[in-house]
Amino acid sequence: MELGRIDEGGRLIQVPNALVLRNLTELENADAVLADTLAMDVDFIVPELTMATRNPAMSHLIPLHEAARQHALDGAASKAKAVAARFAA
């Protein structure tokens, strides 16, 4: 699963089916749509140390980044299963 990646200029490159919120207004609108229409809460799952693989000075933090990334992916999968189960019921 990949939500996006950072190019050499530090810009987010969106991949298909990724939701990228660019500012707080979009976040508030998305939250309102999900809350009002689908009665859902918005949760943020944020992996840490995402620049460790790209910044040589942070290379010693790569194992922590990989653990945080896996934790974020596991959390996203868990939330997705819960949402799917809720809508299947």
N, C-alpha and C. Protein backbone atom coordinates (compact mmCIF):
# COMPACT_ATOMS: atom_id res chain seq x y z
N MET A 1 0.86 -1.17 0.00
CA MET A 1 0.00 0.00 0.00
C MET A 1 0.90 1.23 0.00
N GLU A 2 0.61 2.14 -0.89
CA GLU A 2 1.37 3.39 -0.92
C GLU A 2 0.38 4.53 -1.06
N LEU A 3 0.49 5.51 -0.18
CA LEU A 3 -0.41 6.65 -0.24
C LEU A 3 0.17 7.79 -1.05
N GLY A 4 1.45 7.83 -1.16
CA GLY A 4 2.11 8.88 -1.91
C GLY A 4 3.59 8.84 -1.63
N ARG A 5 4.33 9.64 -2.37
CA ARG A 5 5.76 9.70 -2.12
C ARG A 5 6.23 11.13 -2.35
N ILE A 6 7.38 11.44 -1.84
CA ILE A 6 7.94 12.78 -1.95
C ILE A 6 8.97 12.78 -3.08
N ASP A 7 8.88 13.74 -3.99
CA ASP A 7 9.88 13.83 -5.05
C ASP A 7 11.11 14.56 -4.53
N GLU A 8 12.11 14.72 -5.39
CA GLU A 8 13.36 15.34 -4.97
C GLU A 8 13.18 16.78 -4.51
N GLY A 9 12.15 17.45 -5.00
CA GLY A 9 11.90 18.82 -4.60
C GLY A 9 11.08 18.94 -3.33
N GLY A 10 10.74 17.81 -2.70
CA GLY A 10 9.98 17.83 -1.47
C GLY A 10 8.48 17.92 -1.68
N ARG A 11 8.00 17.72 -2.90
CA ARG A 11 6.57 17.78 -3.19
C ARG A 11 5.97 16.38 -3.12
N LEU A 12 4.74 16.32 -2.62
CA LEU A 12 4.03 15.05 -2.55
C LEU A 12 3.55 14.68 -3.94
N ILE A 13 3.86 13.46 -4.35
CA ILE A 13 3.36 12.93 -5.61
C ILE A 13 2.23 11.98 -5.25
N GLN A 14 1.04 12.30 -5.68
CA GLN A 14 -0.13 11.49 -5.34
C GLN A 14 -0.17 10.24 -6.20
N VAL A 15 -0.53 9.13 -5.60
CA VAL A 15 -0.72 7.90 -6.34
C VAL A 15 -2.22 7.66 -6.48
N PRO A 16 -2.63 6.80 -7.40
CA PRO A 16 -4.06 6.56 -7.61
C PRO A 16 -4.78 6.19 -6.31
N ASN A 17 -5.96 6.70 -6.15
CA ASN A 17 -6.84 6.40 -5.02
C ASN A 17 -6.35 6.95 -3.69
N ALA A 18 -5.39 7.86 -3.70
CA ALA A 18 -4.91 8.46 -2.46
C ALA A 18 -5.72 9.72 -2.17
N LEU A 19 -6.01 9.93 -0.92
CA LEU A 19 -6.69 11.14 -0.49
C LEU A 19 -5.64 12.05 0.12
N VAL A 20 -5.44 13.19 -0.50
CA VAL A 20 -4.47 14.15 0.00
C VAL A 20 -5.20 15.44 0.32
N LEU A 21 -5.19 15.83 1.56
CA LEU A 21 -5.81 17.09 1.98
C LEU A 21 -4.72 18.14 2.02
N ARG A 22 -4.92 19.21 1.29
CA ARG A 22 -3.87 20.20 1.14
C ARG A 22 -3.97 21.35 2.13
N ASN A 23 -5.12 21.55 2.75
CA ASN A 23 -5.23 22.63 3.71
C ASN A 23 -6.33 22.33 4.72
N LEU A 24 -6.41 23.13 5.75
CA LEU A 24 -7.34 22.88 6.83
C LEU A 24 -8.79 22.94 6.37
N THR A 25 -9.10 23.80 5.41
CA THR A 25 -10.47 23.89 4.92
C THR A 25 -10.90 22.58 4.30
N GLU A 26 -10.03 21.95 3.52
CA GLU A 26 -10.35 20.65 2.93
C GLU A 26 -10.56 19.61 4.02
N LEU A 27 -9.75 19.67 5.05
CA LEU A 27 -9.89 18.74 6.17
C LEU A 27 -11.24 18.92 6.84
N GLU A 28 -11.60 20.16 7.12
CA GLU A 28 -12.89 20.43 7.77
C GLU A 28 -14.04 19.98 6.88
N ASN A 29 -13.94 20.20 5.57
CA ASN A 29 -14.99 19.77 4.65
C ASN A 29 -15.09 18.25 4.61
N ALA A 30 -13.95 17.57 4.55
CA ALA A 30 -13.96 16.11 4.53
C ALA A 30 -14.54 15.55 5.82
N ASP A 31 -14.15 16.15 6.93
CA ASP A 31 -14.67 15.72 8.23
C ASP A 31 -16.18 15.90 8.27
N ALA A 32 -16.67 17.03 7.79
CA ALA A 32 -18.11 17.30 7.79
C ALA A 32 -18.85 16.32 6.90
N VAL A 33 -18.32 16.03 5.73
CA VAL A 33 -18.97 15.09 4.82
C VAL A 33 -19.03 13.70 5.44
N LEU A 34 -17.91 13.25 5.99
CA LEU A 34 -17.89 11.91 6.59
C LEU A 34 -18.79 11.84 7.82
N ALA A 35 -18.78 12.89 8.63
CA ALA A 35 -19.59 12.88 9.85
C ALA A 35 -21.07 13.00 9.53
N ASP A 36 -21.43 13.93 8.67
CA ASP A 36 -22.84 14.19 8.39
C ASP A 36 -23.47 13.13 7.49
N THR A 37 -22.76 12.72 6.48
CA THR A 37 -23.32 11.80 5.50
C THR A 37 -23.23 10.34 5.94
N LEU A 38 -22.08 9.97 6.44
CA LEU A 38 -21.84 8.56 6.76
C LEU A 38 -21.75 8.28 8.26
N ALA A 39 -21.93 9.29 9.07
CA ALA A 39 -21.81 9.16 10.53
C ALA A 39 -20.48 8.52 10.93
N MET A 40 -19.40 9.01 10.31
CA MET A 40 -18.07 8.48 10.58
C MET A 40 -17.21 9.53 11.27
N ASP A 41 -16.24 9.06 12.02
CA ASP A 41 -15.24 9.93 12.63
C ASP A 41 -13.98 9.90 11.77
N VAL A 42 -13.25 10.99 11.77
CA VAL A 42 -11.99 11.05 11.05
C VAL A 42 -10.87 10.76 12.03
N ASP A 43 -10.05 9.79 11.69
CA ASP A 43 -8.87 9.45 12.48
C ASP A 43 -7.64 9.70 11.64
N PHE A 44 -6.59 10.20 12.28
CA PHE A 44 -5.33 10.41 11.58
C PHE A 44 -4.36 9.33 12.03
N ILE A 45 -3.76 8.68 11.07
CA ILE A 45 -2.73 7.69 11.34
C ILE A 45 -1.47 8.24 10.69
N VAL A 46 -0.50 8.61 11.52
CA VAL A 46 0.67 9.33 11.02
C VAL A 46 1.94 8.55 11.34
N PRO A 47 2.60 8.02 10.31
CA PRO A 47 3.89 7.39 10.57
C PRO A 47 4.92 8.46 10.89
N GLU A 48 5.87 8.12 11.72
CA GLU A 48 6.88 9.09 12.13
C GLU A 48 8.20 8.84 11.42
N LEU A 49 9.03 9.84 11.44
CA LEU A 49 10.39 9.75 10.89
C LEU A 49 10.39 9.41 9.40
N THR A 50 9.47 9.97 8.66
CA THR A 50 9.32 9.62 7.25
C THR A 50 10.49 10.07 6.38
N MET A 51 11.28 11.00 6.84
CA MET A 51 12.43 11.45 6.06
C MET A 51 13.69 10.64 6.36
N ALA A 52 13.63 9.70 7.27
CA ALA A 52 14.82 8.94 7.66
C ALA A 52 15.45 8.18 6.49
N THR A 53 14.63 7.71 5.56
CA THR A 53 15.18 6.96 4.42
C THR A 53 15.76 7.88 3.36
N ARG A 54 15.48 9.17 3.44
CA ARG A 54 15.94 10.11 2.41
C ARG A 54 17.04 11.05 2.89
N ASN A 55 17.21 11.15 4.20
CA ASN A 55 18.17 12.08 4.77
C ASN A 55 19.31 11.27 5.40
N PRO A 56 20.51 11.34 4.81
CA PRO A 56 21.63 10.56 5.34
C PRO A 56 21.91 10.81 6.82
N ALA A 57 21.67 12.01 7.30
CA ALA A 57 21.91 12.32 8.72
C ALA A 57 20.94 11.58 9.63
N MET A 58 19.85 11.09 9.07
CA MET A 58 18.84 10.38 9.86
C MET A 58 18.90 8.86 9.64
N SER A 59 19.90 8.38 8.95
CA SER A 59 19.96 6.97 8.59
C SER A 59 19.90 6.03 9.80
N HIS A 60 20.40 6.48 10.92
CA HIS A 60 20.36 5.64 12.13
C HIS A 60 18.93 5.46 12.66
N LEU A 61 18.00 6.29 12.16
CA LEU A 61 16.60 6.23 12.60
C LEU A 61 15.73 5.37 11.68
N ILE A 62 16.32 4.80 10.63
CA ILE A 62 15.54 4.00 9.69
C ILE A 62 14.79 2.86 10.37
N PRO A 63 15.40 2.10 11.28
CA PRO A 63 14.63 1.04 11.94
C PRO A 63 13.40 1.57 12.69
N LEU A 64 13.53 2.73 13.33
CA LEU A 64 12.37 3.31 14.02
C LEU A 64 11.31 3.76 13.01
N HIS A 65 11.75 4.32 11.88
CA HIS A 65 10.82 4.70 10.83
C HIS A 65 10.07 3.48 10.31
N GLU A 66 10.80 2.40 10.05
CA GLU A 66 10.16 1.19 9.52
C GLU A 66 9.14 0.64 10.51
N ALA A 67 9.45 0.67 11.79
CA ALA A 67 8.49 0.21 12.80
C ALA A 67 7.27 1.14 12.85
N ALA A 68 7.49 2.46 12.78
CA ALA A 68 6.38 3.40 12.80
C ALA A 68 5.52 3.25 11.55
N ARG A 69 6.16 3.02 10.40
CA ARG A 69 5.42 2.83 9.15
C ARG A 69 4.55 1.58 9.23
N GLN A 70 5.13 0.49 9.74
CA GLN A 70 4.35 -0.75 9.86
C GLN A 70 3.19 -0.57 10.83
N HIS A 71 3.45 0.14 11.92
CA HIS A 71 2.39 0.41 12.89
C HIS A 71 1.27 1.21 12.24
N ALA A 72 1.63 2.20 11.42
CA ALA A 72 0.63 3.02 10.72
C ALA A 72 -0.16 2.18 9.72
N LEU A 73 0.53 1.32 8.98
CA LEU A 73 -0.16 0.44 8.02
C LEU A 73 -1.09 -0.52 8.72
N ASP A 74 -0.65 -1.08 9.84
CA ASP A 74 -1.50 -1.99 10.62
C ASP A 74 -2.72 -1.25 11.15
N GLY A 75 -2.50 -0.02 11.63
CA GLY A 75 -3.62 0.78 12.13
C GLY A 75 -4.61 1.10 11.03
N ALA A 76 -4.11 1.45 9.85
CA ALA A 76 -4.99 1.75 8.71
C ALA A 76 -5.78 0.52 8.30
N ALA A 77 -5.13 -0.64 8.27
CA ALA A 77 -5.82 -1.87 7.91
C ALA A 77 -6.91 -2.21 8.93
N SER A 78 -6.60 -2.02 10.19
CA SER A 78 -7.57 -2.28 11.25
C SER A 78 -8.78 -1.36 11.13
N LYS A 79 -8.52 -0.07 10.90
CA LYS A 79 -9.62 0.89 10.74
C LYS A 79 -10.45 0.55 9.50
N ALA A 80 -9.80 0.17 8.42
CA ALA A 80 -10.51 -0.17 7.18
C ALA A 80 -11.41 -1.39 7.40
N LYS A 81 -10.91 -2.38 8.11
CA LYS A 81 -11.73 -3.57 8.39
C LYS A 81 -12.94 -3.20 9.24
N ALA A 82 -12.75 -2.32 10.21
CA ALA A 82 -13.85 -1.91 11.07
C ALA A 82 -14.92 -1.16 10.26
N VAL A 83 -14.47 -0.28 9.36
CA VAL A 83 -15.43 0.46 8.52
C VAL A 83 -16.16 -0.50 7.59
N ALA A 84 -15.42 -1.43 6.97
CA ALA A 84 -16.04 -2.40 6.07
C ALA A 84 -17.07 -3.25 6.82
N ALA A 85 -16.72 -3.68 8.01
CA ALA A 85 -17.66 -4.48 8.80
C ALA A 85 -18.90 -3.67 9.17
N ARG A 86 -18.70 -2.43 9.48
CA ARG A 86 -19.82 -1.56 9.84
C ARG A 86 -20.79 -1.39 8.68
N PHE A 87 -20.26 -1.18 7.48
CA PHE A 87 -21.12 -0.99 6.32
C PHE A 87 -21.70 -2.29 5.80
N ALA A 88 -21.06 -3.41 6.11
CA ALA A 88 -21.58 -4.71 5.68
C ALA A 88 -22.75 -5.16 6.55
N ALA A 89 -22.81 -4.61 7.77
CA ALA A 89 -23.85 -5.03 8.71
C ALA A 89 -25.20 -4.45 8.35
